[in-house]
Amino acid sequence: MSRQTGYSSGAEVQIPYLLILTSTLLMIYYQRTNSTRLVFIDELCAKMDPGNVKLMLDFMKQQKLQVIFCSPDKAETIGNECEVILPVLRVRPDSMQLGIVQFYEREDGR
């Protein structure tokens, strides 16, 4: 896959990898009954613009996947598409703390 993608932009490489990963997991999950369909991904949308982030997350929702991921720099973009956000703050080099998120209803009812 790396040779096929060549020197493309980050999203042009990341999106195909995520689609392949998602498809592979769905093949495994469809073989099992009562699967939790859980996916852990580090920096899911690191190189994607907001439009592509929404497309990928919508696709994963349509597949009924439960996605857990970290995103150090896309909180605002991804936050609107998530049901739960758990901010983790590094307070010292050896210590982290869970933050608090307040949700506000947007004009479109979400």
Protein backbone atom coordinates (compact mmCIF):
# COMPACT_ATOMS: atom_id res chain seq x y z
CA MET A 1 0.00 0.00 0.00
CA SER A 2 2.82 2.44 0.84
CA ARG A 3 4.33 2.03 -2.63
CA GLN A 4 0.96 2.61 -4.30
CA THR A 5 0.24 5.86 -2.46
CA GLY A 6 3.62 7.41 -3.27
CA TYR A 7 4.10 10.97 -2.08
CA SER A 8 0.52 12.10 -1.61
CA SER A 9 -0.86 14.47 0.98
CA GLY A 10 -1.49 13.10 4.46
CA ALA A 11 -5.25 12.67 4.03
CA GLU A 12 -4.83 10.99 0.63
CA VAL A 13 -2.82 8.30 2.39
CA GLN A 14 -4.69 8.21 5.70
CA ILE A 15 -8.20 7.78 4.28
CA PRO A 16 -7.42 4.60 2.28
CA TYR A 17 -5.63 3.10 5.29
CA LEU A 18 -8.62 3.84 7.52
CA LEU A 19 -11.03 2.36 4.99
CA ILE A 20 -8.94 -0.79 4.75
CA LEU A 21 -8.68 -1.03 8.55
CA THR A 22 -12.42 -0.49 8.96
CA SER A 23 -13.29 -3.02 6.25
CA THR A 24 -11.00 -5.62 7.79
CA LEU A 25 -12.50 -5.14 11.24
CA LEU A 26 -16.02 -5.33 9.83
CA MET A 27 -15.21 -8.64 8.13
CA ILE A 28 -14.08 -10.02 11.49
CA TYR A 29 -17.02 -8.54 13.40
CA TYR A 30 -19.61 -9.83 10.90
CA GLN A 31 -18.34 -13.37 11.51
CA ARG A 32 -19.25 -13.15 15.19
CA THR A 33 -22.63 -12.83 16.82
CA ASN A 34 -23.02 -10.28 19.61
CA SER A 35 -19.80 -8.49 18.68
CA THR A 36 -19.11 -5.19 20.45
CA ARG A 37 -17.62 -3.81 17.21
CA LEU A 38 -15.09 -1.78 19.16
CA VAL A 39 -12.23 0.09 17.43
CA PHE A 40 -9.27 1.81 19.11
CA ILE A 41 -7.34 4.20 16.86
CA ASP A 42 -4.60 6.65 17.79
CA GLU A 43 -4.97 10.05 16.07
CA LEU A 44 -7.80 8.90 13.84
CA CYS A 45 -8.05 12.04 11.72
CA ALA A 46 -4.64 13.68 12.24
CA LYS A 47 -4.12 14.75 8.62
CA MET A 48 -7.72 15.28 7.54
CA ASP A 49 -9.66 18.46 7.00
CA PRO A 50 -13.04 18.90 8.79
CA GLY A 51 -15.03 17.63 5.78
CA ASN A 52 -13.08 14.38 5.58
CA VAL A 53 -13.24 13.95 9.37
CA LYS A 54 -17.03 14.13 9.20
CA LEU A 55 -17.17 11.68 6.27
CA MET A 56 -14.99 9.09 8.06
CA LEU A 57 -16.82 9.37 11.38
CA ASP A 58 -20.22 9.21 9.64
CA PHE A 59 -19.07 6.10 7.77
CA MET A 60 -17.96 4.44 11.01
CA LYS A 61 -21.28 5.36 12.68
CA GLN A 62 -23.22 3.87 9.75
CA GLN A 63 -21.29 0.64 10.27
CA LYS A 64 -22.35 0.70 13.95
CA LEU A 65 -18.75 0.76 15.15
CA GLN A 66 -17.89 2.00 18.62
CA VAL A 67 -14.78 4.09 18.04
CA ILE A 68 -12.38 5.20 20.75
CA PHE A 69 -9.55 7.44 19.65
CA CYS A 70 -7.22 10.16 20.82
CA SER A 71 -6.85 13.44 19.01
CA PRO A 72 -4.42 15.95 20.47
CA ASP A 73 -5.09 18.68 17.91
CA LYS A 74 -8.56 18.22 16.40
CA ALA A 75 -10.82 18.49 19.44
CA GLU A 76 -13.07 21.17 17.95
CA THR A 77 -13.44 19.44 14.59
CA ILE A 78 -14.03 15.96 15.97
CA GLY A 79 -15.89 17.01 19.11
CA ASN A 80 -19.03 17.93 17.17
CA GLU A 81 -19.20 14.38 15.82
CA CYS A 82 -18.68 12.54 19.13
CA GLU A 83 -21.12 11.37 21.76
CA VAL A 84 -18.59 11.41 24.62
CA ILE A 85 -15.39 13.41 25.04
CA LEU A 86 -12.89 12.70 27.81
CA PRO A 87 -10.15 15.31 27.87
CA VAL A 88 -6.93 14.14 29.48
CA LEU A 89 -4.57 16.86 30.62
CA ARG A 90 -0.89 16.38 31.39
CA VAL A 91 -0.38 18.37 34.59
CA ARG A 92 3.22 17.23 35.15
CA PRO A 93 5.59 15.01 33.18
CA ASP A 94 4.57 12.03 35.32
CA SER A 95 0.91 12.89 35.98
CA MET A 96 -2.28 13.24 33.95
CA GLN A 97 -5.74 14.33 35.00
CA LEU A 98 -9.19 13.92 33.45
CA GLY A 99 -10.76 17.21 32.46
CA ILE A 100 -14.41 18.24 32.32
CA VAL A 101 -16.45 18.82 29.17
CA GLN A 102 -19.62 20.88 29.11
CA PHE A 103 -22.03 20.26 26.26
CA TYR A 104 -24.20 22.97 24.74
CA GLU A 105 -27.01 22.33 22.29
CA ARG A 106 -26.34 23.83 18.89
CA GLU A 107 -28.93 25.66 16.83
CA ASP A 108 -29.45 22.57 14.64
CA GLY A 109 -30.53 20.57 17.73
CA ARG A 110 -27.42 18.43 18.10
